């Protein structure tokens, strides 16, 4: 059963997406600073699980013809449209191959999330009805790393690795805000978890970030040993705790960005073009030139700028301008449902 819509989750959706914008803005400046590498890894240890968790809160357990058409219109069509747009932009800015040459099976950069949303929503009815469904999802996520052919293609690895968080969001949608209200000392527990995540980020500062991305098998990450799955299992546990700790700080009442939390798909899809466009234009190089060796200062400057960009892209005016592409409801006429 899904949670009734409430400000807590809309606020959580916006704040999570705003941090995603910040994380992507950090990417061009982390090298070679070890502190920024640690901060980047700590951020994504909790942030990606939090992003997936809030995506599962309002998911539907049952699939029918109408819901199948909704997935086609709201996920498949936007993915194809923006995969083309991103590929053309990357070709112009960075001279990368286009999907016309390599196909659409490997998403460009952040578009993996759209493809995974499709898989997660299709997988949910099966696992939501299983006894110990969450345990089975975790086992599948760990086992996927041993298969060399489960990787970037169709975002298969990420779909399996992050599905437990999607299922967790579906499970805790109603109870988590109530639990926070019933336990007033939760901030201390949440802060302790986030400190643990920060320490883990520092320990992983030199590790390949793909361990956090969950997009490659263990052998490709240099760990073909039988015990490599234990590393992923530990990451899943830490990710779940970090996600809940991060989301716990979401306001539980309507605030100025609550409405934008209902339009996070616009923020997510569009901000990548803005960030990559600024990188191609030399904006990040200019920022680093201005701060010199103090890259941490650049990171601090990017935080409010990222929040501002997220708020801008979450405006209703932006939604009216791009909603026909990010939520192409007009396509319902192309895929009419059978009557009777």
Protein backbone atom coordinates (compact mmCIF):
# COMPACT_ATOMS: atom_id res chain seq x y z
CA UNK A 1 0.00 0.00 0.00
CA UNK A 2 1.40 3.38 -0.94
CA UNK A 3 1.58 6.39 1.33
CA UNK A 4 -0.92 9.23 1.08
CA UNK A 5 0.76 12.28 -0.34
CA UNK A 6 2.16 14.51 2.39
CA UNK A 7 4.55 17.48 2.63
CA UNK A 8 7.29 15.42 4.28
CA UNK A 9 7.88 13.34 1.16
CA UNK A 10 7.49 16.24 -1.27
CA UNK A 11 10.08 18.16 0.74
CA UNK A 12 12.31 15.08 0.82
CA UNK A 13 12.02 14.70 -2.94
CA UNK A 14 13.10 18.30 -3.56
CA UNK A 15 15.98 18.26 -1.08
CA UNK A 16 17.24 14.96 -2.45
CA UNK A 17 17.17 16.21 -6.04
CA UNK A 18 18.84 19.48 -4.98
CA UNK A 19 21.69 17.45 -3.45
CA UNK A 20 21.89 15.43 -6.68
CA UNK A 21 22.39 18.72 -8.54
CA UNK A 22 25.12 19.62 -6.05
CA UNK A 23 26.77 16.22 -6.41
CA UNK A 24 26.87 16.52 -10.19
CA UNK A 25 28.23 20.06 -9.89
CA UNK A 26 31.03 18.70 -7.67
CA UNK A 27 32.22 16.19 -10.26
CA UNK A 28 34.30 18.66 -12.34
CA UNK A 29 36.20 19.97 -9.29
CA UNK A 30 36.95 16.95 -7.07
CA UNK A 31 40.30 16.06 -8.67
CA UNK A 32 42.87 15.96 -7.16
CA UNK A 33 41.62 17.04 -3.72
CA UNK A 34 41.33 13.99 -1.38
CA UNK A 35 38.93 15.83 0.93
CA UNK A 36 36.53 16.53 -1.93
CA UNK A 37 36.86 12.95 -3.12
CA UNK A 38 35.87 11.81 0.38
CA UNK A 39 32.98 14.28 0.52
CA UNK A 40 31.75 13.19 -2.92
CA UNK A 41 31.77 9.52 -1.95
CA UNK A 42 30.15 10.17 1.43
CA UNK A 43 27.44 12.21 -0.28
CA UNK A 44 26.56 9.48 -2.75
CA UNK A 45 26.78 6.69 -0.19
CA UNK A 46 23.59 8.13 1.33
CA UNK A 47 22.20 10.28 -1.47
CA UNK A 48 21.58 7.74 -4.24
CA UNK A 49 19.82 5.35 -1.85
CA UNK A 50 17.76 8.31 -0.58
CA UNK A 51 16.84 9.29 -4.15
CA UNK A 52 15.69 5.75 -4.92
CA UNK A 53 13.90 5.40 -1.58
CA UNK A 54 11.72 8.48 -2.10
CA UNK A 55 10.95 7.21 -5.61
CA UNK A 56 9.43 4.08 -4.14
CA UNK A 57 7.14 5.83 -1.67
CA UNK A 58 4.28 6.40 -4.11
CA UNK A 59 4.86 3.38 -6.35
CA UNK A 60 1.95 1.10 -7.21
CA UNK A 61 1.99 -2.56 -6.30
CA UNK A 62 -0.30 -3.69 -9.09
CA UNK A 63 0.19 -3.33 -12.83
CA UNK A 64 -2.72 -3.13 -15.24
CA UNK A 65 -3.11 -1.87 -18.80
CA UNK A 66 -3.59 1.74 -17.71
CA UNK A 67 -0.51 1.65 -15.50
CA UNK A 68 1.51 0.00 -18.25
CA UNK A 69 0.56 2.83 -20.59
CA UNK A 70 1.54 5.33 -17.91
CA UNK A 71 5.01 3.77 -17.64
CA UNK A 72 5.38 3.93 -21.41
CA UNK A 73 4.37 7.58 -21.56
CA UNK A 74 6.10 8.87 -18.42
CA UNK A 75 9.32 6.84 -18.55
CA UNK A 76 10.01 5.21 -21.91
CA UNK A 77 9.15 8.17 -24.14
CA UNK A 78 11.01 10.77 -22.02
CA UNK A 79 14.01 8.43 -21.85
CA UNK A 80 14.17 8.09 -25.64
CA UNK A 81 13.68 11.83 -26.12
CA UNK A 82 16.27 12.96 -23.60
CA UNK A 83 18.75 10.21 -24.42
CA UNK A 84 18.75 11.65 -27.94
CA UNK A 85 18.99 15.22 -26.66
CA UNK A 86 21.80 14.43 -24.22
CA UNK A 87 23.71 12.47 -26.82
CA UNK A 88 23.48 15.29 -29.36
CA UNK A 89 24.56 17.82 -26.73
CA UNK A 90 27.49 15.65 -25.60
CA UNK A 91 28.50 15.15 -29.22
CA UNK A 92 28.55 18.91 -29.75
CA UNK A 93 30.26 19.73 -26.45
CA UNK A 94 32.60 16.78 -25.87
CA UNK A 95 32.63 14.88 -29.20
CA UNK A 96 31.18 11.68 -27.72
CA UNK A 97 29.38 8.97 -29.76
CA UNK A 98 25.65 9.36 -30.31
CA UNK A 99 23.03 6.65 -29.65
CA UNK A 100 22.46 6.52 -33.39
CA UNK A 101 25.83 4.75 -33.52
CA UNK A 102 25.87 2.83 -30.22
CA UNK A 103 22.15 2.29 -29.57
CA UNK A 104 19.97 3.36 -26.66
CA UNK A 105 20.75 0.45 -24.33
CA UNK A 106 23.44 2.30 -22.34
CA UNK A 107 21.99 5.49 -20.83
CA UNK A 108 23.93 8.74 -21.00
CA UNK A 109 25.17 9.84 -17.59
CA UNK A 110 22.24 10.53 -15.23
CA UNK A 111 19.57 9.03 -17.50
CA UNK A 112 20.25 5.61 -15.96
CA UNK A 113 17.71 6.65 -13.34
CA UNK A 114 14.82 6.80 -15.83
CA UNK A 115 15.61 3.34 -17.15
CA UNK A 116 15.92 1.95 -13.63
CA UNK A 117 12.60 3.51 -12.61
CA UNK A 118 10.97 1.40 -15.29
CA UNK A 119 12.59 -1.80 -14.01
CA UNK A 120 11.82 -1.00 -10.36
CA UNK A 121 8.15 -0.36 -11.03
CA UNK A 122 7.90 -3.57 -12.98
CA UNK A 123 9.71 -5.53 -10.25
CA UNK A 124 7.75 -4.08 -7.34
CA UNK A 125 4.57 -6.19 -7.73
CA UNK A 126 6.61 -9.39 -7.54
CA UNK A 127 8.73 -8.49 -4.51
CA UNK A 128 6.03 -6.58 -2.62
CA UNK A 129 3.98 -9.75 -2.45
CA UNK A 130 6.84 -12.00 -1.40
CA UNK A 131 7.45 -13.03 2.15
CA UNK A 132 10.88 -11.64 3.07
CA UNK A 133 10.75 -9.71 -0.22
CA UNK A 134 13.28 -7.12 0.98
CA UNK A 135 15.75 -9.85 1.97
CA UNK A 136 15.36 -11.46 -1.46
CA UNK A 137 15.95 -8.08 -3.14
CA UNK A 138 19.15 -7.59 -1.13
CA UNK A 139 20.32 -11.11 -2.00
CA UNK A 140 19.71 -10.42 -5.69
CA UNK A 141 21.61 -7.13 -5.48
CA UNK A 142 24.62 -8.89 -3.93
CA UNK A 143 24.47 -11.84 -6.33
CA UNK A 144 24.32 -9.56 -9.40
CA UNK A 145 27.92 -8.48 -8.81
CA UNK A 146 29.21 -11.99 -9.50
CA UNK A 147 27.73 -12.02 -13.03
CA UNK A 148 30.16 -10.49 -15.50
CA UNK A 149 27.43 -9.79 -18.05
CA UNK A 150 25.33 -7.65 -15.67
CA UNK A 151 26.65 -4.12 -15.99
CA UNK A 152 25.94 -0.93 -17.90
CA UNK A 153 23.71 -2.46 -20.57
CA UNK A 154 20.10 -1.43 -19.89
CA UNK A 155 21.34 -0.23 -16.46
CA UNK A 156 20.86 -3.83 -15.32
CA UNK A 157 23.40 -3.68 -12.50
CA UNK A 158 22.07 -0.46 -11.01
CA UNK A 159 18.49 -1.68 -11.37
CA UNK A 160 19.27 -4.71 -9.21
CA UNK A 161 21.67 -3.02 -6.78
CA UNK A 162 19.36 -0.13 -5.91
CA UNK A 163 16.03 -1.96 -6.03
CA UNK A 164 16.15 -2.78 -2.28
CA UNK A 165 15.98 0.96 -1.54
CA UNK A 166 12.99 1.37 -3.86
CA UNK A 167 11.23 -1.47 -2.08
CA UNK A 168 12.23 0.00 1.28
CA UNK A 169 10.66 3.33 0.28
CA UNK A 170 7.46 1.54 -0.63
CA UNK A 171 7.48 -0.18 2.76
CA UNK A 172 8.26 2.83 5.00
CA UNK A 173 6.30 5.52 3.16
CA UNK A 174 3.61 5.79 5.80
CA UNK A 175 5.47 4.76 8.92
CA UNK A 176 8.74 6.71 8.70
CA UNK A 177 7.33 10.24 9.28
CA UNK A 178 5.20 8.86 12.14
CA UNK A 179 8.27 7.16 13.65
CA UNK A 180 10.15 10.46 13.64
CA UNK A 181 7.30 12.15 15.48
CA UNK A 182 7.22 9.40 18.08
CA UNK A 183 11.00 9.49 18.70
CA UNK A 184 12.08 13.09 19.45
CA UNK A 185 15.72 12.07 19.96
CA UNK A 186 16.10 10.95 16.34
CA UNK A 187 18.40 13.89 15.35
CA UNK A 188 21.20 12.51 17.51
CA UNK A 189 20.85 9.07 15.97
CA UNK A 190 20.70 10.54 12.45
CA UNK A 191 23.78 12.67 13.05
CA UNK A 192 25.69 9.64 14.36
CA UNK A 193 24.80 7.71 11.19
CA UNK A 194 25.85 10.60 8.95
CA UNK A 195 29.19 10.83 10.79
CA UNK A 196 29.65 7.12 10.09
CA UNK A 197 28.87 7.74 6.41
CA UNK A 198 31.39 10.60 6.35
CA UNK A 199 34.07 8.31 7.82
CA UNK A 200 33.24 5.68 5.21
CA UNK A 201 33.59 8.32 2.50
CA UNK A 202 37.04 9.18 3.79
CA UNK A 203 38.06 5.52 3.81
CA UNK A 204 36.81 5.17 0.22
CA UNK A 205 38.37 8.40 -1.06
CA UNK A 206 40.80 6.49 -3.29
CA UNK A 207 38.48 3.63 -4.20
CA UNK A 208 36.83 3.53 -7.64
CA UNK A 209 33.53 5.45 -7.40
CA UNK A 210 31.88 2.61 -9.33
CA UNK A 211 31.70 0.76 -6.00
CA UNK A 212 29.20 3.42 -4.95
CA UNK A 213 27.52 3.70 -8.35
CA UNK A 214 26.75 -0.03 -8.35
CA UNK A 215 27.05 -0.20 -12.13
CA UNK A 216 29.80 -2.82 -12.61
CA UNK A 217 30.44 -6.43 -11.53
CA UNK A 218 32.99 -7.13 -8.81
CA UNK A 219 35.60 -8.50 -11.21
CA UNK A 220 35.54 -5.28 -13.24
CA UNK A 221 36.21 -3.40 -10.00
CA UNK A 222 39.29 -5.49 -9.25
CA UNK A 223 37.63 -7.74 -6.69
CA UNK A 224 36.92 -11.18 -8.21
CA UNK A 225 37.19 -12.87 -4.81
CA UNK A 226 34.25 -14.84 -3.41
CA UNK A 227 33.88 -12.44 -0.49
CA UNK A 228 33.40 -9.35 -2.68
CA UNK A 229 29.67 -9.57 -2.16
CA UNK A 230 30.22 -8.76 1.50
CA UNK A 231 31.48 -5.32 0.47
CA UNK A 232 28.28 -4.65 -1.43
CA UNK A 233 26.18 -5.98 1.43
CA UNK A 234 27.91 -3.58 3.80
CA UNK A 235 27.36 -0.75 1.34
CA UNK A 236 23.65 -1.57 1.09
CA UNK A 237 23.25 -1.54 4.85
CA UNK A 238 25.17 1.72 5.23
CA UNK A 239 23.25 3.21 2.30
CA UNK A 240 19.90 2.37 3.88
CA UNK A 241 20.90 3.86 7.23
CA UNK A 242 22.44 6.92 5.57
CA UNK A 243 19.38 7.47 3.38
CA UNK A 244 16.99 7.36 6.31
CA UNK A 245 19.27 9.62 8.36
CA UNK A 246 19.47 12.12 5.50
CA UNK A 247 15.73 12.07 4.83
CA UNK A 248 14.93 12.46 8.53
CA UNK A 249 15.82 16.15 8.29
CA UNK A 250 13.11 16.84 5.73
CA UNK A 251 10.53 19.34 7.05
CA UNK A 252 7.21 17.74 7.97
CA UNK A 253 5.09 20.75 7.01
CA UNK A 254 4.53 22.69 3.80
CA UNK A 255 7.44 25.05 3.05
CA UNK A 256 8.47 27.22 0.13
CA UNK A 257 9.91 24.33 -1.91
CA UNK A 258 7.17 21.76 -1.22
CA UNK A 259 5.43 22.39 -4.56
CA UNK A 260 8.71 21.92 -6.41
CA UNK A 261 8.90 18.47 -4.82
CA UNK A 262 6.04 17.42 -7.10
CA UNK A 263 8.03 18.46 -10.20
CA UNK A 264 11.38 16.85 -9.46
CA UNK A 265 11.47 15.00 -12.79
CA UNK A 266 12.00 18.37 -14.51
CA UNK A 267 14.81 19.24 -12.11
CA UNK A 268 16.50 15.90 -12.51
CA UNK A 269 16.43 15.69 -16.28
CA UNK A 270 17.18 19.33 -17.08
CA UNK A 271 19.93 20.08 -14.57
CA UNK A 272 22.33 17.68 -16.29
CA UNK A 273 22.20 19.73 -19.47
CA UNK A 274 22.85 22.90 -17.46
CA UNK A 275 25.79 21.40 -15.54
CA UNK A 276 27.40 19.84 -18.61
CA UNK A 277 26.76 22.98 -20.64
CA UNK A 278 28.52 25.10 -18.01
CA UNK A 279 31.41 22.63 -17.96
CA UNK A 280 31.73 22.81 -21.74
CA UNK A 281 31.65 26.60 -21.57
CA UNK A 282 34.54 26.63 -19.06
CA UNK A 283 32.55 27.89 -16.07
CA UNK A 284 34.01 25.34 -13.64
CA UNK A 285 37.54 26.01 -14.89
CA UNK A 286 36.95 29.71 -14.29
CA UNK A 287 35.63 28.98 -10.79
CA UNK A 288 38.71 26.92 -9.93
CA UNK A 289 40.93 29.64 -11.30
CA UNK A 290 39.24 32.10 -8.96
CA UNK A 291 39.62 30.02 -5.78
CA UNK A 292 43.10 28.74 -6.51
CA UNK A 293 44.12 25.90 -4.20
CA UNK A 294 41.01 26.30 -2.03
CA UNK A 295 38.80 23.86 -3.90
CA UNK A 296 36.72 23.44 -0.76
CA UNK A 297 35.67 27.06 -1.22
CA UNK A 298 34.43 26.26 -4.73
CA UNK A 299 32.39 23.41 -3.26
CA UNK A 300 30.84 25.73 -0.68
CA UNK A 301 29.93 28.20 -3.42
CA UNK A 302 28.36 25.46 -5.52
CA UNK A 303 26.02 24.37 -2.73
CA UNK A 304 23.70 27.43 -2.71
CA UNK A 305 24.02 27.73 -6.49
CA UNK A 306 22.85 24.13 -6.86
CA UNK A 307 19.93 24.76 -4.53
CA UNK A 308 19.02 27.84 -6.57
CA UNK A 309 19.21 25.91 -9.85
CA UNK A 310 16.98 23.17 -8.43
CA UNK A 311 14.44 25.74 -7.24
CA UNK A 312 14.49 27.45 -10.64
CA UNK A 313 13.97 24.24 -12.58
CA UNK A 314 11.18 23.28 -10.19
CA UNK A 315 9.11 26.36 -10.97
CA UNK A 316 5.64 25.91 -12.44
CA UNK A 317 6.66 28.12 -15.38
CA UNK A 318 9.43 25.67 -16.28
CA UNK A 319 6.96 22.82 -15.95
CA UNK A 320 4.60 24.51 -18.40
CA UNK A 321 7.47 24.99 -20.83
CA UNK A 322 8.93 21.47 -20.76
CA UNK A 323 6.17 19.31 -19.30
CA UNK A 324 5.07 18.26 -22.76
CA UNK A 325 8.42 16.48 -23.07
CA UNK A 326 9.13 15.32 -19.50
CA UNK A 327 5.52 14.21 -18.92
CA UNK A 328 4.10 13.78 -22.45
CA UNK A 329 0.45 13.24 -21.55
CA UNK A 330 -0.42 14.18 -25.13
CA UNK A 331 0.93 10.75 -26.11
CA UNK A 332 -2.11 9.12 -24.51
CA UNK A 333 -3.89 9.70 -27.82
CA UNK A 334 -1.21 7.63 -29.54
CA UNK A 335 -1.73 4.68 -27.16
CA UNK A 336 -5.47 4.42 -26.52
CA UNK A 337 -6.69 1.71 -24.15
CA UNK A 338 -9.05 -1.00 -25.37
CA UNK A 339 -12.62 -0.56 -24.23
CA UNK A 340 -14.53 -3.41 -22.79
